[in-house]
């Protein structure tokens, strides 16, 4: 996504990598930090997904 936005602002031709079906999942940093703190303070020892289950398609 960084390269796409960089090309957009610099006036370069836009490049789409792969077939153009990539997706991204975004999360607020504060939400991620809160999740990590809760994870460290908790008793669970197994794998835990603290990411965002939603996603958007790259342009």
PDB file of N, CA and C in Angstrom:
ATOM      1  N   UNK A   1       0.820  -1.174   0.000  1.00  0.00           N
ATOM      2  CA  UNK A   1       0.000   0.000   0.000  1.00  0.00           C
ATOM      3  C   UNK A   1       0.875   1.254   0.000  1.00  0.00           C
ATOM      4  N   UNK A   2       2.005   1.193   0.722  1.00  0.00           N
ATOM      5  CA  UNK A   2       2.905   2.341   0.792  1.00  0.00           C
ATOM      6  C   UNK A   2       3.356   2.752  -0.603  1.00  0.00           C
ATOM      7  N   UNK A   3       3.779   1.787  -1.405  1.00  0.00           N
ATOM      8  CA  UNK A   3       4.292   2.101  -2.736  1.00  0.00           C
ATOM      9  C   UNK A   3       3.194   2.668  -3.631  1.00  0.00           C
ATOM     10  N   UNK A   4       1.988   2.162  -3.497  1.00  0.00           N
ATOM     11  CA  UNK A   4       0.853   2.643  -4.282  1.00  0.00           C
ATOM     12  C   UNK A   4       0.584   4.116  -3.970  1.00  0.00           C
ATOM     13  N   UNK A   5       0.532   4.464  -2.688  1.00  0.00           N
ATOM     14  CA  UNK A   5       0.284   5.855  -2.280  1.00  0.00           C
ATOM     15  C   UNK A   5       1.458   6.737  -2.682  1.00  0.00           C
ATOM     16  N   UNK A   6       2.679   6.236  -2.536  1.00  0.00           N
ATOM     17  CA  UNK A   6       3.864   6.995  -2.922  1.00  0.00           C
ATOM     18  C   UNK A   6       3.839   7.307  -4.418  1.00  0.00           C
ATOM     19  N   UNK A   7       3.472   6.323  -5.235  1.00  0.00           N
ATOM     20  CA  UNK A   7       3.361   6.546  -6.680  1.00  0.00           C
ATOM     21  C   UNK A   7       2.263   7.562  -6.979  1.00  0.00           C
ATOM     22  N   UNK A   8       1.169   7.490  -6.269  1.00  0.00           N
ATOM     23  CA  UNK A   8       0.054   8.403  -6.471  1.00  0.00           C
ATOM     24  C   UNK A   8       0.481   9.844  -6.223  1.00  0.00           C
ATOM     25  N   UNK A   9       1.157  10.091  -5.094  1.00  0.00           N
ATOM     26  CA  UNK A   9       1.565  11.453  -4.749  1.00  0.00           C
ATOM     27  C   UNK A   9       2.721  11.971  -5.593  1.00  0.00           C
ATOM     28  N   UNK A  10       3.567  11.085  -6.098  1.00  0.00           N
ATOM     29  CA  UNK A  10       4.710  11.540  -6.895  1.00  0.00           C
ATOM     30  C   UNK A  10       4.380  11.644  -8.380  1.00  0.00           C
ATOM     31  N   UNK A  11       3.157  11.284  -8.763  1.00  0.00           N
ATOM     32  CA  UNK A  11       2.752  11.401 -10.163  1.00  0.00           C
ATOM     33  C   UNK A  11       3.235  10.267 -11.046  1.00  0.00           C
ATOM     34  N   UNK A  12       3.797   9.216 -10.454  1.00  0.00           N
ATOM     35  CA  UNK A  12       4.262   8.065 -11.230  1.00  0.00           C
ATOM     36  C   UNK A  12       3.071   7.198 -11.639  1.00  0.00           C
ATOM     37  N   UNK A  13       3.241   6.384 -12.683  1.00  0.00           N
ATOM     38  CA  UNK A  13       2.176   5.440 -13.036  1.00  0.00           C
ATOM     39  C   UNK A  13       1.937   4.463 -11.883  1.00  0.00           C
ATOM     40  N   UNK A  14       0.684   4.139 -11.619  1.00  0.00           N
ATOM     41  CA  UNK A  14       0.349   3.240 -10.523  1.00  0.00           C
ATOM     42  C   UNK A  14       0.610   1.795 -10.926  1.00  0.00           C
ATOM     43  N   UNK A  15       1.240   1.052 -10.031  1.00  0.00           N
ATOM     44  CA  UNK A  15       1.574  -0.342 -10.269  1.00  0.00           C
ATOM     45  C   UNK A  15       0.740  -1.224  -9.357  1.00  0.00           C
ATOM     46  N   UNK A  16       0.039  -2.197  -9.935  1.00  0.00           N
ATOM     47  CA  UNK A  16      -0.704  -3.177  -9.146  1.00  0.00           C
ATOM     48  C   UNK A  16       0.085  -4.477  -9.171  1.00  0.00           C
ATOM     49  N   UNK A  17       0.499  -4.939  -7.995  1.00  0.00           N
ATOM     50  CA  UNK A  17       1.275  -6.170  -7.888  1.00  0.00           C
ATOM     51  C   UNK A  17       0.338  -7.372  -7.862  1.00  0.00           C
ATOM     52  N   UNK A  18       0.800  -8.482  -8.368  1.00  0.00           N
ATOM     53  CA  UNK A  18       0.035  -9.743  -8.394  1.00  0.00           C
ATOM     54  C   UNK A  18      -1.275  -9.542  -9.151  1.00  0.00           C
ATOM     55  N   UNK A  19      -2.297 -10.325  -8.863  1.00  0.00           N
ATOM     56  CA  UNK A  19      -3.528 -10.223  -9.650  1.00  0.00           C
ATOM     57  C   UNK A  19      -4.448  -9.086  -9.219  1.00  0.00           C
ATOM     58  N   UNK A  20      -4.080  -8.323  -8.210  1.00  0.00           N
ATOM     59  CA  UNK A  20      -4.940  -7.234  -7.763  1.00  0.00           C
ATOM     60  C   UNK A  20      -6.039  -7.682  -6.819  1.00  0.00           C
ATOM     61  N   UNK A  21      -5.865  -8.837  -6.198  1.00  0.00           N
ATOM     62  CA  UNK A  21      -6.881  -9.346  -5.275  1.00  0.00           C
ATOM     63  C   UNK A  21      -6.397  -9.341  -3.825  1.00  0.00           C
ATOM     64  N   UNK A  22      -5.359  -8.575  -3.523  1.00  0.00           N
ATOM     65  CA  UNK A  22      -4.815  -8.531  -2.179  1.00  0.00           C
ATOM     66  C   UNK A  22      -5.811  -7.853  -1.233  1.00  0.00           C
ATOM     67  N   UNK A  23      -5.760  -8.258   0.021  1.00  0.00           N
ATOM     68  CA  UNK A  23      -6.585  -7.632   1.048  1.00  0.00           C
ATOM     69  C   UNK A  23      -5.700  -7.211   2.211  1.00  0.00           C
ATOM     70  N   UNK A  24      -6.200  -6.278   2.991  1.00  0.00           N
ATOM     71  CA  UNK A  24      -5.477  -5.788   4.167  1.00  0.00           C
ATOM     72  C   UNK A  24      -6.445  -5.711   5.337  1.00  0.00           C
ATOM     73  N   UNK A  25      -5.915  -5.879   6.524  1.00  0.00           N
ATOM     74  CA  UNK A  25      -6.697  -5.755   7.744  1.00  0.00           C
ATOM     75  C   UNK A  25      -6.019  -4.699   8.608  1.00  0.00           C
ATOM     76  N   UNK A  26      -6.744  -3.646   8.927  1.00  0.00           N
ATOM     77  CA  UNK A  26      -6.170  -2.535   9.683  1.00  0.00           C
ATOM     78  C   UNK A  26      -6.653  -2.556  11.125  1.00  0.00           C
ATOM     79  N   UNK A  27      -5.854  -1.986  12.011  1.00  0.00           N
ATOM     80  CA  UNK A  27      -6.191  -1.938  13.428  1.00  0.00           C
ATOM     81  C   UNK A  27      -5.568  -0.674  14.016  1.00  0.00           C
ATOM     82  N   UNK A  28      -6.292  -0.013  14.916  1.00  0.00           N
ATOM     83  CA  UNK A  28      -5.714   1.133  15.611  1.00  0.00           C
ATOM     84  C   UNK A  28      -4.576   0.649  16.501  1.00  0.00           C
ATOM     85  N   UNK A  29      -3.498   1.429  16.549  1.00  0.00           N
ATOM     86  CA  UNK A  29      -2.347   1.063  17.377  1.00  0.00           C
ATOM     87  C   UNK A  29      -2.775   0.938  18.835  1.00  0.00           C
ATOM     88  N   UNK A  30      -3.620   1.855  19.297  1.00  0.00           N
ATOM     89  CA  UNK A  30      -4.063   1.806  20.694  1.00  0.00           C
ATOM     90  C   UNK A  30      -4.834   0.514  20.991  1.00  0.00           C
ATOM     91  N   UNK A  31      -5.625   0.034  20.028  1.00  0.00           N
ATOM     92  CA  UNK A  31      -6.340  -1.235  20.220  1.00  0.00           C
ATOM     93  C   UNK A  31      -5.363  -2.402  20.289  1.00  0.00           C
ATOM     94  N   UNK A  32      -4.328  -2.372  19.456  1.00  0.00           N
ATOM     95  CA  UNK A  32      -3.336  -3.445  19.459  1.00  0.00           C
ATOM     96  C   UNK A  32      -2.557  -3.449  20.774  1.00  0.00           C
ATOM     97  N   UNK A  33      -2.159  -2.266  21.242  1.00  0.00           N
ATOM     98  CA  UNK A  33      -1.424  -2.174  22.508  1.00  0.00           C
ATOM     99  C   UNK A  33      -2.297  -2.669  23.652  1.00  0.00           C
ATOM    100  N   UNK A  34      -3.574  -2.265  23.666  1.00  0.00           N
ATOM    101  CA  UNK A  34      -4.497  -2.725  24.699  1.00  0.00           C
ATOM    102  C   UNK A  34      -4.608  -4.251  24.677  1.00  0.00           C
ATOM    103  N   UNK A  35      -4.714  -4.824  23.486  1.00  0.00           N
ATOM    104  CA  UNK A  35      -4.790  -6.277  23.367  1.00  0.00           C
ATOM    105  C   UNK A  35      -3.534  -6.965  23.866  1.00  0.00           C
ATOM    106  N   UNK A  36      -2.368  -6.397  23.547  1.00  0.00           N
ATOM    107  CA  UNK A  36      -1.105  -6.985  24.009  1.00  0.00           C
ATOM    108  C   UNK A  36      -0.984  -6.920  25.527  1.00  0.00           C
ATOM    109  N   UNK A  37      -1.397  -5.797  26.117  1.00  0.00           N
ATOM    110  CA  UNK A  37      -1.345  -5.669  27.580  1.00  0.00           C
ATOM    111  C   UNK A  37      -2.266  -6.692  28.233  1.00  0.00           C
ATOM    112  N   UNK A  38      -3.485  -6.815  27.710  1.00  0.00           N
ATOM    113  CA  UNK A  38      -4.420  -7.803  28.260  1.00  0.00           C
ATOM    114  C   UNK A  38      -3.868  -9.221  28.110  1.00  0.00           C
ATOM    115  N   UNK A  39      -3.214  -9.476  26.995  1.00  0.00           N
ATOM    116  CA  UNK A  39      -2.624 -10.795  26.764  1.00  0.00           C
ATOM    117  C   UNK A  39      -1.521 -11.085  27.779  1.00  0.00           C
ATOM    118  N   UNK A  40      -0.652 -10.105  28.033  1.00  0.00           N
ATOM    119  CA  UNK A  40       0.448 -10.300  28.977  1.00  0.00           C
ATOM    120  C   UNK A  40      -0.050 -10.443  30.411  1.00  0.00           C
ATOM    121  N   UNK A  41      -1.143  -9.754  30.741  1.00  0.00           N
ATOM    122  CA  UNK A  41      -1.675  -9.816  32.101  1.00  0.00           C
ATOM    123  C   UNK A  41      -2.587 -11.020  32.319  1.00  0.00           C
ATOM    124  N   UNK A  42      -3.009 -11.666  31.256  1.00  0.00           N
ATOM    125  CA  UNK A  42      -3.945 -12.785  31.359  1.00  0.00           C
ATOM    126  C   UNK A  42      -3.265 -14.102  31.671  1.00  0.00           C
ATOM    127  N   UNK A  43      -4.086 -15.117  31.813  1.00  0.00           N
ATOM    128  CA  UNK A  43      -3.611 -16.454  32.165  1.00  0.00           C
ATOM    129  C   UNK A  43      -3.535 -17.389  30.965  1.00  0.00           C
ATOM    130  N   UNK A  44      -4.068 -17.001  29.828  1.00  0.00           N
ATOM    131  CA  UNK A  44      -4.107 -17.875  28.657  1.00  0.00           C
ATOM    132  C   UNK A  44      -2.702 -18.105  28.111  1.00  0.00           C
ATOM    133  N   UNK A  45      -2.386 -19.355  27.797  1.00  0.00           N
ATOM    134  CA  UNK A  45      -1.061 -19.674  27.259  1.00  0.00           C
ATOM    135  C   UNK A  45      -1.116 -20.154  25.814  1.00  0.00           C
ATOM    136  N   UNK A  46      -2.309 -20.255  25.246  1.00  0.00           N
ATOM    137  CA  UNK A  46      -2.437 -20.726  23.870  1.00  0.00           C
ATOM    138  C   UNK A  46      -2.407 -19.582  22.878  1.00  0.00           C
ATOM    139  N   UNK A  47      -2.486 -19.911  21.606  1.00  0.00           N
ATOM    140  CA  UNK A  47      -2.504 -18.883  20.566  1.00  0.00           C
ATOM    141  C   UNK A  47      -3.764 -18.019  20.670  1.00  0.00           C
ATOM    142  N   UNK A  48      -3.597 -16.731  20.472  1.00  0.00           N
ATOM    143  CA  UNK A  48      -4.715 -15.788  20.523  1.00  0.00           C
ATOM    144  C   UNK A  48      -4.574 -14.819  19.357  1.00  0.00           C
ATOM    145  N   UNK A  49      -5.649 -14.622  18.621  1.00  0.00           N
ATOM    146  CA  UNK A  49      -5.653 -13.664  17.525  1.00  0.00           C
ATOM    147  C   UNK A  49      -6.136 -12.324  18.059  1.00  0.00           C
ATOM    148  N   UNK A  50      -5.266 -11.323  18.051  1.00  0.00           N
ATOM    149  CA  UNK A  50      -5.675  -9.998  18.511  1.00  0.00           C
ATOM    150  C   UNK A  50      -5.768  -9.016  17.343  1.00  0.00           C
ATOM    151  N   UNK A  51      -5.801  -9.543  16.144  1.00  0.00           N
ATOM    152  CA  UNK A  51      -5.934  -8.698  14.957  1.00  0.00           C
ATOM    153  C   UNK A  51      -7.382  -8.350  14.676  1.00  0.00           C
ATOM    154  N   UNK A  52      -7.601  -7.666  13.587  1.00  0.00           N
ATOM    155  CA  UNK A  52      -8.925  -7.269  13.142  1.00  0.00           C
ATOM    156  C   UNK A  52      -9.451  -8.330  12.179  1.00  0.00           C
ATOM    157  N   UNK A  53     -10.625  -8.916  12.436  1.00  0.00           N
ATOM    158  CA  UNK A  53     -11.140  -9.951  11.541  1.00  0.00           C
ATOM    159  C   UNK A  53     -11.667  -9.394  10.216  1.00  0.00           C
ATOM    160  N   UNK A  54     -11.950  -8.105  10.168  1.00  0.00           N
ATOM    161  CA  UNK A  54     -12.435  -7.498   8.930  1.00  0.00           C
ATOM    162  C   UNK A  54     -11.288  -7.177   7.986  1.00  0.00           C
ATOM    163  N   UNK A  55     -11.593  -7.000   6.717  1.00  0.00           N
ATOM    164  CA  UNK A  55     -10.545  -6.674   5.752  1.00  0.00           C
ATOM    165  C   UNK A  55     -11.115  -5.801   4.644  1.00  0.00           C
ATOM    166  N   UNK A  56     -10.203  -5.134   3.939  1.00  0.00           N
ATOM    167  CA  UNK A  56     -10.581  -4.364   2.759  1.00  0.00           C
ATOM    168  C   UNK A  56      -9.690  -4.799   1.608  1.00  0.00           C
ATOM    169  N   UNK A  57     -10.179  -4.640   0.409  1.00  0.00           N
ATOM    170  CA  UNK A  57      -9.383  -4.968  -0.781  1.00  0.00           C
ATOM    171  C   UNK A  57      -8.518  -3.771  -1.157  1.00  0.00           C
ATOM    172  N   UNK A  58      -7.296  -4.054  -1.554  1.00  0.00           N
ATOM    173  CA  UNK A  58      -6.425  -2.995  -2.064  1.00  0.00           C
ATOM    174  C   UNK A  58      -6.981  -2.512  -3.393  1.00  0.00           C
ATOM    175  N   UNK A  59      -6.760  -1.232  -3.675  1.00  0.00           N
ATOM    176  CA  UNK A  59      -7.240  -0.719  -4.978  1.00  0.00           C
ATOM    177  C   UNK A  59      -6.512  -1.348  -6.136  1.00  0.00           C
TER     178      UNK A  59
END
